[in-house]
Amino acid sequence: MLTPTEKIWHNGRLINWDDARIHVLSHVVSYGSSVFEGIRCYATSSGPAVFRLREHMRRMIDSARIYRMDIGYTIEQLSEASLELVRVNKLQSCYLRPLAFRGYGEIGVNPLRNPVEVYLACWEWGKYLGEEALSQGVDVCVSSWNRIAPNTLPALAKAGANYMNSQLIKMEALLNGYAEGIGLDAAGYVSEGSGENIFVVRDGRIHTPPLGASVLPGITRDTVLTLARDLQIPVVETIIPREMLYIADEVFFSGTAAEITPIRSIDKIQVGKGSRGPVTEALQTEFFGIISGKAPDRHGWLSLVNAPQPAVQ
């Protein structure tokens, strides 16, 4: 259950948590016409800081553009509003959910005459797959549900409708005793988890599916690619056959919620030694060092909440 905070941002103003309501006949309820983001704010030695805020807001605006939704706010305005929201709610660490959707108006497939509502919310949230998962890894399966096919639902958009597919992957995995599922693309190659990108390590080289494999362009995915280059770990973006999962030295997920989480088994086949491997651990060390403020923010990824910022009204 969510722990409510005091305020939510709606169309440029702060409202009470319980006042953030929509009509049951809002377009989004029937047709899934929403785009959203998931963003982490971390407690650092310099105070709360939001991780890669601008990149997340850019992706949200890109997602809206694909679906012809005019959000009406710039990256800068949404970023400043997010920082103000965390300050108002007096949180040291939290999860942020920017959300834009087609609201109440006409009830039909055509969305163009419905207003676009924009919300920002934040609340306290722990580790998505559990604290132990970061060191011990998780047990996952390859899902019987494929990821969305090309030219159907745009995989580059982080849209609410896409996550009906993710829900099928996730529910199947959980009901069969796994922590997560891996979806294959329409051609049968490895795509991603229900809400995470995936990386496969073999002989010291990292492999990850390309964006054309029905992959969301994850912000944490880009972070991993950048950190791997910093550490001089070879990386290749390439199609990955399913069977490569079973002979990998290491496999791990990345995502805003999952952060960098190792996978210890896939379809009950042990990955490597059955625990976090050295490449995954090296990337985790770099990642958690930066987000905690213990390592230099050499890429400028952190937005300090308490730095002077103009409030968005």
C-alpha atoms as a PDB file:
ATOM      1  CA  MET A   1       0.000   0.000   0.000  1.00  0.00           C
ATOM      2  CA  LEU A   2       1.115   3.529  -0.730  1.00  0.00           C
ATOM      3  CA  THR A   3       1.853   5.820   2.173  1.00  0.00           C
ATOM      4  CA  PRO A   4       0.072   9.090   1.270  1.00  0.00           C
ATOM      5  CA  THR A   5       2.035  12.308   1.221  1.00  0.00           C
ATOM      6  CA  GLU A   6       0.539  15.733   1.757  1.00  0.00           C
ATOM      7  CA  LYS A   7       0.521  17.210  -1.744  1.00  0.00           C
ATOM      8  CA  ILE A   8       0.233  16.207  -5.397  1.00  0.00           C
ATOM      9  CA  TRP A   9       0.938  18.542  -8.323  1.00  0.00           C
ATOM     10  CA  HIS A  10      -1.909  18.877 -10.845  1.00  0.00           C
ATOM     11  CA  ASN A  11      -1.813  21.070 -13.954  1.00  0.00           C
ATOM     12  CA  GLY A  12       0.485  23.607 -12.346  1.00  0.00           C
ATOM     13  CA  ARG A  13      -0.798  23.759  -8.783  1.00  0.00           C
ATOM     14  CA  LEU A  14      -0.418  21.782  -5.580  1.00  0.00           C
ATOM     15  CA  ILE A  15      -3.498  19.945  -4.323  1.00  0.00           C
ATOM     16  CA  ASN A  16      -4.176  17.636  -1.390  1.00  0.00           C
ATOM     17  CA  TRP A  17      -3.427  13.930  -1.879  1.00  0.00           C
ATOM     18  CA  ASP A  18      -7.082  12.932  -1.478  1.00  0.00           C
ATOM     19  CA  ASP A  19      -8.212  15.530  -4.011  1.00  0.00           C
ATOM     20  CA  ALA A  20      -6.311  13.847  -6.860  1.00  0.00           C
ATOM     21  CA  ARG A  21      -9.349  12.155  -8.406  1.00  0.00           C
ATOM     22  CA  ILE A  22     -10.701  11.601 -11.912  1.00  0.00           C
ATOM     23  CA  HIS A  23     -14.105  10.805 -13.387  1.00  0.00           C
ATOM     24  CA  VAL A  24     -14.835   7.152 -14.119  1.00  0.00           C
ATOM     25  CA  LEU A  25     -15.580   8.096 -17.736  1.00  0.00           C
ATOM     26  CA  SER A  26     -12.250   9.804 -18.285  1.00  0.00           C
ATOM     27  CA  HIS A  27     -10.811   8.606 -21.584  1.00  0.00           C
ATOM     28  CA  VAL A  28      -7.845   6.950 -19.881  1.00  0.00           C
ATOM     29  CA  VAL A  29     -10.067   4.583 -17.893  1.00  0.00           C
ATOM     30  CA  SER A  30     -11.621   2.965 -20.953  1.00  0.00           C
ATOM     31  CA  TYR A  31      -8.747   3.258 -23.420  1.00  0.00           C
ATOM     32  CA  GLY A  32      -5.499   3.353 -21.457  1.00  0.00           C
ATOM     33  CA  SER A  33      -4.517   6.716 -22.948  1.00  0.00           C
ATOM     34  CA  SER A  34      -1.727   7.684 -20.566  1.00  0.00           C
ATOM     35  CA  VAL A  35       2.029   8.175 -20.512  1.00  0.00           C
ATOM     36  CA  PHE A  36       4.069   8.208 -17.342  1.00  0.00           C
ATOM     37  CA  GLU A  37       7.476   8.001 -15.710  1.00  0.00           C
ATOM     38  CA  GLY A  38       8.998   6.405 -12.627  1.00  0.00           C
ATOM     39  CA  ILE A  39      11.784   8.420 -11.026  1.00  0.00           C
ATOM     40  CA  ARG A  40      13.868   7.887  -7.893  1.00  0.00           C
ATOM     41  CA  CYS A  41      14.872  10.504  -5.355  1.00  0.00           C
ATOM     42  CA  TYR A  42      17.730   9.338  -3.147  1.00  0.00           C
ATOM     43  CA  ALA A  43      18.961  10.466   0.244  1.00  0.00           C
ATOM     44  CA  THR A  44      22.522  11.643  -0.376  1.00  0.00           C
ATOM     45  CA  SER A  45      25.226  13.265   1.721  1.00  0.00           C
ATOM     46  CA  SER A  46      24.112  16.592   0.196  1.00  0.00           C
ATOM     47  CA  GLY A  47      20.420  16.024   0.921  1.00  0.00           C
ATOM     48  CA  PRO A  48      17.684  14.477  -1.250  1.00  0.00           C
ATOM     49  CA  ALA A  49      18.557  14.298  -4.947  1.00  0.00           C
ATOM     50  CA  VAL A  50      16.516  13.151  -7.936  1.00  0.00           C
ATOM     51  CA  PHE A  51      18.287  10.784 -10.319  1.00  0.00           C
ATOM     52  CA  ARG A  52      18.371  11.758 -14.009  1.00  0.00           C
ATOM     53  CA  LEU A  53      15.320  13.976 -13.695  1.00  0.00           C
ATOM     54  CA  ARG A  54      15.656  15.806 -17.015  1.00  0.00           C
ATOM     55  CA  GLU A  55      16.132  12.577 -18.960  1.00  0.00           C
ATOM     56  CA  HIS A  56      12.968  11.126 -17.452  1.00  0.00           C
ATOM     57  CA  MET A  57      10.964  14.256 -18.281  1.00  0.00           C
ATOM     58  CA  ARG A  58      12.294  14.287 -21.813  1.00  0.00           C
ATOM     59  CA  ARG A  59      11.180  10.680 -22.275  1.00  0.00           C
ATOM     60  CA  MET A  60       7.725  11.530 -20.931  1.00  0.00           C
ATOM     61  CA  ILE A  61       7.361  14.386 -23.390  1.00  0.00           C
ATOM     62  CA  ASP A  62       8.617  12.093 -26.172  1.00  0.00           C
ATOM     63  CA  SER A  63       6.051   9.447 -25.170  1.00  0.00           C
ATOM     64  CA  ALA A  64       3.289  12.055 -25.252  1.00  0.00           C
ATOM     65  CA  ARG A  65       4.421  13.305 -28.662  1.00  0.00           C
ATOM     66  CA  ILE A  66       4.175   9.802 -30.133  1.00  0.00           C
ATOM     67  CA  TYR A  67       0.545   9.678 -28.949  1.00  0.00           C
ATOM     68  CA  ARG A  68      -0.211  13.266 -30.088  1.00  0.00           C
ATOM     69  CA  MET A  69      -0.710  14.456 -26.518  1.00  0.00           C
ATOM     70  CA  ASP A  70       0.160  18.089 -25.806  1.00  0.00           C
ATOM     71  CA  ILE A  71       1.345  18.109 -22.198  1.00  0.00           C
ATOM     72  CA  GLY A  72       1.694  21.884 -22.166  1.00  0.00           C
ATOM     73  CA  TYR A  73       4.809  21.956 -19.962  1.00  0.00           C
ATOM     74  CA  THR A  74       8.515  21.974 -20.781  1.00  0.00           C
ATOM     75  CA  ILE A  75      11.191  19.642 -19.435  1.00  0.00           C
ATOM     76  CA  GLU A  76      12.386  22.486 -17.222  1.00  0.00           C
ATOM     77  CA  GLN A  77       8.923  23.218 -15.821  1.00  0.00           C
ATOM     78  CA  LEU A  78       8.196  19.568 -15.033  1.00  0.00           C
ATOM     79  CA  SER A  79      11.636  19.123 -13.478  1.00  0.00           C
ATOM     80  CA  GLU A  80      11.268  22.200 -11.263  1.00  0.00           C
ATOM     81  CA  ALA A  81       7.774  21.124 -10.234  1.00  0.00           C
ATOM     82  CA  SER A  82       9.102  17.701  -9.227  1.00  0.00           C
ATOM     83  CA  LEU A  83      11.780  19.190  -6.988  1.00  0.00           C
ATOM     84  CA  GLU A  84       9.246  21.531  -5.407  1.00  0.00           C
ATOM     85  CA  LEU A  85       6.892  18.617  -4.764  1.00  0.00           C
ATOM     86  CA  VAL A  86       9.576  16.642  -2.907  1.00  0.00           C
ATOM     87  CA  ARG A  87      10.424  19.731  -0.844  1.00  0.00           C
ATOM     88  CA  VAL A  88       6.793  20.410   0.049  1.00  0.00           C
ATOM     89  CA  ASN A  89       6.291  16.807   1.122  1.00  0.00           C
ATOM     90  CA  LYS A  90       9.503  16.928   3.194  1.00  0.00           C
ATOM     91  CA  LEU A  91      10.864  13.620   1.888  1.00  0.00           C
ATOM     92  CA  GLN A  92      14.506  12.554   2.019  1.00  0.00           C
ATOM     93  CA  SER A  93      14.028   9.695  -0.442  1.00  0.00           C
ATOM     94  CA  CYS A  94      11.027   8.745  -2.527  1.00  0.00           C
ATOM     95  CA  TYR A  95       9.599   7.520  -5.802  1.00  0.00           C
ATOM     96  CA  LEU A  96       8.121  10.090  -8.188  1.00  0.00           C
ATOM     97  CA  ARG A  97       5.327   9.394 -10.649  1.00  0.00           C
ATOM     98  CA  PRO A  98       4.769  11.981 -13.382  1.00  0.00           C
ATOM     99  CA  LEU A  99       1.597  11.094 -15.259  1.00  0.00           C
ATOM    100  CA  ALA A 100      -0.252  12.585 -18.234  1.00  0.00           C
ATOM    101  CA  PHE A 101      -3.527  11.202 -19.538  1.00  0.00           C
ATOM    102  CA  ARG A 102      -6.614  11.936 -21.596  1.00  0.00           C
ATOM    103  CA  GLY A 103      -9.277  13.133 -19.217  1.00  0.00           C
ATOM    104  CA  TYR A 104     -13.053  13.575 -19.085  1.00  0.00           C
ATOM    105  CA  GLY A 105     -14.763  14.725 -22.257  1.00  0.00           C
ATOM    106  CA  GLU A 106     -15.950  12.556 -25.104  1.00  0.00           C
ATOM    107  CA  ILE A 107     -16.348   8.806 -24.597  1.00  0.00           C
ATOM    108  CA  GLY A 108     -15.108   7.177 -27.786  1.00  0.00           C
ATOM    109  CA  VAL A 109     -11.917   5.849 -29.285  1.00  0.00           C
ATOM    110  CA  ASN A 110     -10.969   9.240 -30.742  1.00  0.00           C
ATOM    111  CA  PRO A 111      -8.960  10.949 -27.984  1.00  0.00           C
ATOM    112  CA  LEU A 112      -8.236  14.272 -29.634  1.00  0.00           C
ATOM    113  CA  ARG A 113     -11.033  16.308 -28.024  1.00  0.00           C
ATOM    114  CA  ASN A 114     -10.348  15.139 -24.486  1.00  0.00           C
ATOM    115  CA  PRO A 115      -8.265  17.359 -22.199  1.00  0.00           C
ATOM    116  CA  VAL A 116      -4.793  16.242 -21.190  1.00  0.00           C
ATOM    117  CA  GLU A 117      -4.353  16.140 -17.413  1.00  0.00           C
ATOM    118  CA  VAL A 118      -0.850  16.254 -15.911  1.00  0.00           C
ATOM    119  CA  TYR A 119      -0.074  15.052 -12.393  1.00  0.00           C
ATOM    120  CA  LEU A 120       3.102  14.624 -10.340  1.00  0.00           C
ATOM    121  CA  ALA A 121       3.034  12.497  -7.200  1.00  0.00           C
ATOM    122  CA  CYS A 122       5.711  11.204  -4.838  1.00  0.00           C
ATOM    123  CA  TRP A 123       5.818   8.778  -1.928  1.00  0.00           C
ATOM    124  CA  GLU A 124       8.229   6.626   0.052  1.00  0.00           C
ATOM    125  CA  TRP A 125       9.049   3.301  -1.599  1.00  0.00           C
ATOM    126  CA  GLY A 126      11.617   0.592  -0.894  1.00  0.00           C
ATOM    127  CA  LYS A 127      13.492  -1.814  -3.124  1.00  0.00           C
ATOM    128  CA  TYR A 128      11.244  -3.140  -5.900  1.00  0.00           C
ATOM    129  CA  LEU A 129      12.450  -6.750  -5.843  1.00  0.00           C
ATOM    130  CA  GLY A 130      13.586  -6.665  -2.220  1.00  0.00           C
ATOM    131  CA  GLU A 131      16.798  -5.676  -0.425  1.00  0.00           C
ATOM    132  CA  GLU A 132      18.198  -9.215  -0.542  1.00  0.00           C
ATOM    133  CA  ALA A 133      17.743  -9.342  -4.317  1.00  0.00           C
ATOM    134  CA  LEU A 134      20.476  -6.754  -4.875  1.00  0.00           C
ATOM    135  CA  SER A 135      23.120  -9.121  -3.493  1.00  0.00           C
ATOM    136  CA  GLN A 136      21.639 -12.601  -3.812  1.00  0.00           C
ATOM    137  CA  GLY A 137      19.752 -12.199  -7.071  1.00  0.00           C
ATOM    138  CA  VAL A 138      16.265 -13.328  -8.087  1.00  0.00           C
ATOM    139  CA  ASP A 139      14.737 -16.385  -9.733  1.00  0.00           C
ATOM    140  CA  VAL A 140      12.963 -15.619 -13.000  1.00  0.00           C
ATOM    141  CA  CYS A 141      11.325 -17.381 -15.928  1.00  0.00           C
ATOM    142  CA  VAL A 142      10.901 -16.793 -19.631  1.00  0.00           C
ATOM    143  CA  SER A 143       7.283 -15.819 -20.092  1.00  0.00           C
ATOM    144  CA  SER A 144       4.826 -17.501 -22.422  1.00  0.00           C
ATOM    145  CA  TRP A 145       3.643 -13.968 -23.269  1.00  0.00           C
ATOM    146  CA  ASN A 146       5.646 -12.198 -25.977  1.00  0.00           C
ATOM    147  CA  ARG A 147       6.381  -8.498 -25.903  1.00  0.00           C
ATOM    148  CA  ILE A 148       4.411  -6.218 -28.215  1.00  0.00           C
ATOM    149  CA  ALA A 149       5.163  -6.588 -31.913  1.00  0.00           C
ATOM    150  CA  PRO A 150       6.620  -3.790 -34.068  1.00  0.00           C
ATOM    151  CA  ASN A 151       4.150  -1.265 -35.455  1.00  0.00           C
ATOM    152  CA  THR A 152       1.419  -2.210 -32.999  1.00  0.00           C
ATOM    153  CA  LEU A 153       1.923  -0.331 -29.723  1.00  0.00           C
ATOM    154  CA  PRO A 154       5.048   1.888 -29.767  1.00  0.00           C
ATOM    155  CA  ALA A 155       7.600   0.280 -27.439  1.00  0.00           C
ATOM    156  CA  LEU A 156       9.648   3.494 -27.239  1.00  0.00           C
ATOM    157  CA  ALA A 157       6.740   5.201 -25.466  1.00  0.00           C
ATOM    158  CA  LYS A 158       6.290   4.587 -21.751  1.00  0.00           C
ATOM    159  CA  ALA A 159       2.530   4.341 -22.125  1.00  0.00           C
ATOM    160  CA  GLY A 160      -0.010   2.899 -19.725  1.00  0.00           C
ATOM    161  CA  ALA A 161      -1.508   0.643 -22.413  1.00  0.00           C
ATOM    162  CA  ASN A 162       1.822  -1.132 -22.911  1.00  0.00           C
ATOM    163  CA  TYR A 163       1.768  -2.295 -19.318  1.00  0.00           C
ATOM    164  CA  MET A 164      -1.201  -4.584 -19.861  1.00  0.00           C
ATOM    165  CA  ASN A 165       1.371  -6.776 -21.597  1.00  0.00           C
ATOM    166  CA  SER A 166       3.746  -6.283 -18.661  1.00  0.00           C
ATOM    167  CA  GLN A 167       1.026  -7.304 -16.223  1.00  0.00           C
ATOM    168  CA  LEU A 168       0.515 -10.600 -18.026  1.00  0.00           C
ATOM    169  CA  ILE A 169       4.259 -11.326 -17.865  1.00  0.00           C
ATOM    170  CA  LYS A 170       4.467 -10.349 -14.188  1.00  0.00           C
ATOM    171  CA  MET A 171       1.361 -12.241 -13.018  1.00  0.00           C
ATOM    172  CA  GLU A 172       2.369 -15.430 -14.792  1.00  0.00           C
ATOM    173  CA  ALA A 173       5.802 -15.291 -13.175  1.00  0.00           C
ATOM    174  CA  LEU A 174       4.495 -14.633  -9.672  1.00  0.00           C
ATOM    175  CA  LEU A 175       1.814 -17.309  -9.849  1.00  0.00           C
ATOM    176  CA  ASN A 176       4.457 -19.840 -10.879  1.00  0.00           C
ATOM    177  CA  GLY A 177       6.765 -18.951  -7.998  1.00  0.00           C
ATOM    178  CA  TYR A 178       9.196 -16.603  -9.741  1.00  0.00           C
ATOM    179  CA  ALA A 179      10.075 -13.021  -8.864  1.00  0.00           C
ATOM    180  CA  GLU A 180       9.893 -11.799 -12.456  1.00  0.00           C
ATOM    181  CA  GLY A 181       9.385 -12.844 -16.055  1.00  0.00           C
ATOM    182  CA  ILE A 182      11.396 -12.200 -19.207  1.00  0.00           C
ATOM    183  CA  GLY A 183       9.445 -11.418 -22.359  1.00  0.00           C
ATOM    184  CA  LEU A 184      10.644 -12.412 -25.813  1.00  0.00           C
ATOM    185  CA  ASP A 185      10.006 -10.170 -28.797  1.00  0.00           C
ATOM    186  CA  ALA A 186       7.766 -11.080 -31.733  1.00  0.00           C
ATOM    187  CA  ALA A 187      10.681 -12.878 -33.428  1.00  0.00           C
ATOM    188  CA  GLY A 188      11.437 -14.950 -30.323  1.00  0.00           C
ATOM    189  CA  TYR A 189      14.522 -13.066 -29.180  1.00  0.00           C
ATOM    190  CA  VAL A 190      15.089 -11.749 -25.654  1.00  0.00           C
ATOM    191  CA  SER A 191      13.387  -8.395 -25.074  1.00  0.00           C
ATOM    192  CA  GLU A 192      13.017  -7.285 -21.430  1.00  0.00           C
ATOM    193  CA  GLY A 193      11.324  -7.997 -18.121  1.00  0.00           C
ATOM    194  CA  SER A 194       7.866  -6.768 -17.190  1.00  0.00           C
ATOM    195  CA  GLY A 195       9.373  -3.475 -16.072  1.00  0.00           C
ATOM    196  CA  GLU A 196      13.128  -3.833 -16.477  1.00  0.00           C
ATOM    197  CA  ASN A 197      15.751  -3.950 -19.202  1.00  0.00           C
ATOM    198  CA  ILE A 198      18.010  -6.995 -19.256  1.00  0.00           C
ATOM    199  CA  PHE A 199      21.761  -7.550 -19.643  1.00  0.00           C
ATOM    200  CA  VAL A 200      23.639 -10.781 -20.323  1.00  0.00           C
ATOM    201  CA  VAL A 201      27.341 -11.206 -19.487  1.00  0.00           C
ATOM    202  CA  ARG A 202      29.515 -13.824 -21.148  1.00  0.00           C
ATOM    203  CA  ASP A 203      33.315 -13.925 -21.164  1.00  0.00           C
ATOM    204  CA  GLY A 204      33.500 -10.434 -19.683  1.00  0.00           C
ATOM    205  CA  ARG A 205      31.359  -8.836 -22.393  1.00  0.00           C
ATOM    206  CA  ILE A 206      27.913  -7.331 -21.753  1.00  0.00           C
ATOM    207  CA  HIS A 207      25.135  -8.018 -24.252  1.00  0.00           C
ATOM    208  CA  THR A 208      21.785  -6.220 -24.209  1.00  0.00           C
ATOM    209  CA  PRO A 209      18.887  -6.218 -26.677  1.00  0.00           C
ATOM    210  CA  PRO A 210      18.668  -3.262 -29.082  1.00  0.00           C
ATOM    211  CA  LEU A 211      15.739  -0.844 -28.994  1.00  0.00           C
ATOM    212  CA  GLY A 212      14.276  -2.620 -32.018  1.00  0.00           C
ATOM    213  CA  ALA A 213      13.615  -5.716 -29.880  1.00  0.00           C
ATOM    214  CA  SER A 214      10.500  -4.136 -28.326  1.00  0.00           C
ATOM    215  CA  VAL A 215      12.640  -2.513 -25.641  1.00  0.00           C
ATOM    216  CA  LEU A 216      11.832   0.614 -23.674  1.00  0.00           C
ATOM    217  CA  PRO A 217      14.801   3.025 -23.811  1.00  0.00           C
ATOM    218  CA  GLY A 218      15.405   2.767 -20.082  1.00  0.00           C
ATOM    219  CA  ILE A 219      17.113   5.612 -18.246  1.00  0.00           C
ATOM    220  CA  THR A 220      18.841   3.111 -15.961  1.00  0.00           C
ATOM    221  CA  ARG A 221      19.696   1.057 -19.065  1.00  0.00           C
ATOM    222  CA  ASP A 222      21.530   4.086 -20.439  1.00  0.00           C
ATOM    223  CA  THR A 223      23.165   4.541 -17.034  1.00  0.00           C
ATOM    224  CA  VAL A 224      24.474   0.957 -17.118  1.00  0.00           C
ATOM    225  CA  LEU A 225      25.837   1.420 -20.641  1.00  0.00           C
ATOM    226  CA  THR A 226      27.600   4.614 -19.567  1.00  0.00           C
ATOM    227  CA  LEU A 227      29.066   3.090 -16.409  1.00  0.00           C
ATOM    228  CA  ALA A 228      30.227   0.033 -18.330  1.00  0.00           C
ATOM    229  CA  ARG A 229      32.127   2.300 -20.718  1.00  0.00           C
ATOM    230  CA  ASP A 230      33.621   4.134 -17.721  1.00  0.00           C
ATOM    231  CA  LEU A 231      34.826   0.785 -16.365  1.00  0.00           C
ATOM    232  CA  GLN A 232      36.075  -0.279 -19.823  1.00  0.00           C
ATOM    233  CA  ILE A 233      33.730  -3.268 -19.887  1.00  0.00           C
ATOM    234  CA  PRO A 234      32.891  -4.186 -23.499  1.00  0.00           C
ATOM    235  CA  VAL A 235      29.201  -3.729 -24.364  1.00  0.00           C
ATOM    236  CA  VAL A 236      27.315  -4.801 -27.446  1.00  0.00           C
ATOM    237  CA  GLU A 237      23.668  -4.089 -28.284  1.00  0.00           C
ATOM    238  CA  THR A 238      22.521  -7.124 -30.248  1.00  0.00           C
ATOM    239  CA  ILE A 239      19.690  -9.589 -30.614  1.00  0.00           C
ATOM    240  CA  ILE A 240      19.940 -12.273 -27.942  1.00  0.00           C
ATOM    241  CA  PRO A 241      18.586 -15.787 -28.526  1.00  0.00           C
ATOM    242  CA  ARG A 242      16.721 -17.325 -25.608  1.00  0.00           C
ATOM    243  CA  GLU A 243      19.268 -20.073 -25.105  1.00  0.00           C
ATOM    244  CA  MET A 244      22.014 -17.546 -24.414  1.00  0.00           C
ATOM    245  CA  LEU A 245      20.266 -16.866 -21.095  1.00  0.00           C
ATOM    246  CA  TYR A 246      21.036 -20.434 -20.018  1.00  0.00           C
ATOM    247  CA  ILE A 247      24.770 -20.312 -20.765  1.00  0.00           C
ATOM    248  CA  ALA A 248      25.490 -16.797 -19.504  1.00  0.00           C
ATOM    249  CA  ASP A 249      28.061 -16.087 -16.820  1.00  0.00           C
ATOM    250  CA  GLU A 250      25.838 -13.345 -15.378  1.00  0.00           C
ATOM    251  CA  VAL A 251      22.425 -11.867 -16.115  1.00  0.00           C
ATOM    252  CA  PHE A 252      20.949  -8.783 -14.493  1.00  0.00           C
ATOM    253  CA  PHE A 253      18.005  -6.419 -14.705  1.00  0.00           C
ATOM    254  CA  SER A 254      18.107  -2.647 -14.712  1.00  0.00           C
ATOM    255  CA  GLY A 255      15.321  -0.153 -14.064  1.00  0.00           C
ATOM    256  CA  THR A 256      14.307   2.802 -11.944  1.00  0.00           C
ATOM    257  CA  ALA A 257      12.468   0.493  -9.548  1.00  0.00           C
ATOM    258  CA  ALA A 258      14.768  -2.543  -9.834  1.00  0.00           C
ATOM    259  CA  GLU A 259      17.971  -0.427 -10.007  1.00  0.00           C
ATOM    260  CA  ILE A 260      20.624  -3.094 -10.854  1.00  0.00           C
ATOM    261  CA  THR A 261      19.385  -6.511  -9.745  1.00  0.00           C
ATOM    262  CA  PRO A 262      21.239  -9.765 -10.499  1.00  0.00           C
ATOM    263  CA  ILE A 263      19.414 -12.859 -11.714  1.00  0.00           C
ATOM    264  CA  ARG A 264      20.468 -16.140 -10.098  1.00  0.00           C
ATOM    265  CA  SER A 265      18.338 -18.568 -12.117  1.00  0.00           C
ATOM    266  CA  ILE A 266      16.235 -18.603 -15.274  1.00  0.00           C
ATOM    267  CA  ASP A 267      13.669 -21.358 -15.811  1.00  0.00           C
ATOM    268  CA  LYS A 268      15.316 -23.146 -12.852  1.00  0.00           C
ATOM    269  CA  ILE A 269      18.692 -23.162 -14.609  1.00  0.00           C
ATOM    270  CA  GLN A 270      21.364 -21.585 -12.427  1.00  0.00           C
ATOM    271  CA  VAL A 271      23.052 -18.501 -13.854  1.00  0.00           C
ATOM    272  CA  GLY A 272      26.828 -18.693 -13.407  1.00  0.00           C
ATOM    273  CA  LYS A 273      27.589 -19.529  -9.790  1.00  0.00           C
ATOM    274  CA  GLY A 274      24.034 -18.790  -8.697  1.00  0.00           C
ATOM    275  CA  SER A 275      24.817 -15.440  -7.107  1.00  0.00           C
ATOM    276  CA  ARG A 276      25.837 -11.918  -8.064  1.00  0.00           C
ATOM    277  CA  GLY A 277      28.775 -11.932 -10.461  1.00  0.00           C
ATOM    278  CA  PRO A 278      31.783  -9.576 -10.629  1.00  0.00           C
ATOM    279  CA  VAL A 279      30.544  -7.466 -13.554  1.00  0.00           C
ATOM    280  CA  THR A 280      27.159  -6.904 -11.917  1.00  0.00           C
ATOM    281  CA  GLU A 281      28.831  -6.082  -8.602  1.00  0.00           C
ATOM    282  CA  ALA A 282      31.219  -3.587 -10.227  1.00  0.00           C
ATOM    283  CA  LEU A 283      28.326  -1.789 -11.896  1.00  0.00           C
ATOM    284  CA  GLN A 284      26.317  -1.777  -8.663  1.00  0.00           C
ATOM    285  CA  THR A 285      29.272  -0.289  -6.780  1.00  0.00           C
ATOM    286  CA  GLU A 286      29.539   2.560  -9.278  1.00  0.00           C
ATOM    287  CA  PHE A 287      25.780   3.127  -9.425  1.00  0.00           C
ATOM    288  CA  PHE A 288      25.110   3.095  -5.688  1.00  0.00           C
ATOM    289  CA  GLY A 289      28.191   5.181  -5.038  1.00  0.00           C
ATOM    290  CA  ILE A 290      26.867   7.948  -7.274  1.00  0.00           C
ATOM    291  CA  ILE A 291      23.260   7.913  -6.057  1.00  0.00           C
ATOM    292  CA  SER A 292      24.349   7.943  -2.417  1.00  0.00           C
ATOM    293  CA  GLY A 293      26.649  10.902  -2.950  1.00  0.00           C
ATOM    294  CA  LYS A 294      29.661   8.851  -1.805  1.00  0.00           C
ATOM    295  CA  ALA A 295      31.175   8.915  -5.294  1.00  0.00           C
ATOM    296  CA  PRO A 296      31.513  11.984  -7.552  1.00  0.00           C
ATOM    297  CA  ASP A 297      28.506  12.729  -9.744  1.00  0.00           C
ATOM    298  CA  ARG A 298      30.783  12.883 -12.760  1.00  0.00           C
ATOM    299  CA  HIS A 299      27.953  12.762 -15.297  1.00  0.00           C
ATOM    300  CA  GLY A 300      25.718  15.354 -13.621  1.00  0.00           C
ATOM    301  CA  TRP A 301      22.914  12.874 -12.981  1.00  0.00           C
ATOM    302  CA  LEU A 302      21.697  14.181  -9.611  1.00  0.00           C
ATOM    303  CA  SER A 303      19.338  17.142  -9.143  1.00  0.00           C
ATOM    304  CA  LEU A 304      19.557  18.356  -5.561  1.00  0.00           C
ATOM    305  CA  VAL A 305      16.096  18.971  -4.135  1.00  0.00           C
ATOM    306  CA  ASN A 306      17.235  21.720  -1.779  1.00  0.00           C
ATOM    307  CA  ALA A 307      19.254  23.679  -4.316  1.00  0.00           C
ATOM    308  CA  PRO A 308      17.618  27.044  -5.089  1.00  0.00           C
ATOM    309  CA  GLN A 309      14.830  26.465  -7.609  1.00  0.00           C
ATOM    310  CA  PRO A 310      11.988  28.680  -8.802  1.00  0.00           C
ATOM    311  CA  ALA A 311       8.606  27.239  -7.860  1.00  0.00           C
ATOM    312  CA  VAL A 312       6.209  26.397 -10.679  1.00  0.00           C
ATOM    313  CA  GLN A 313       2.717  27.796 -10.132  1.00  0.00           C
END
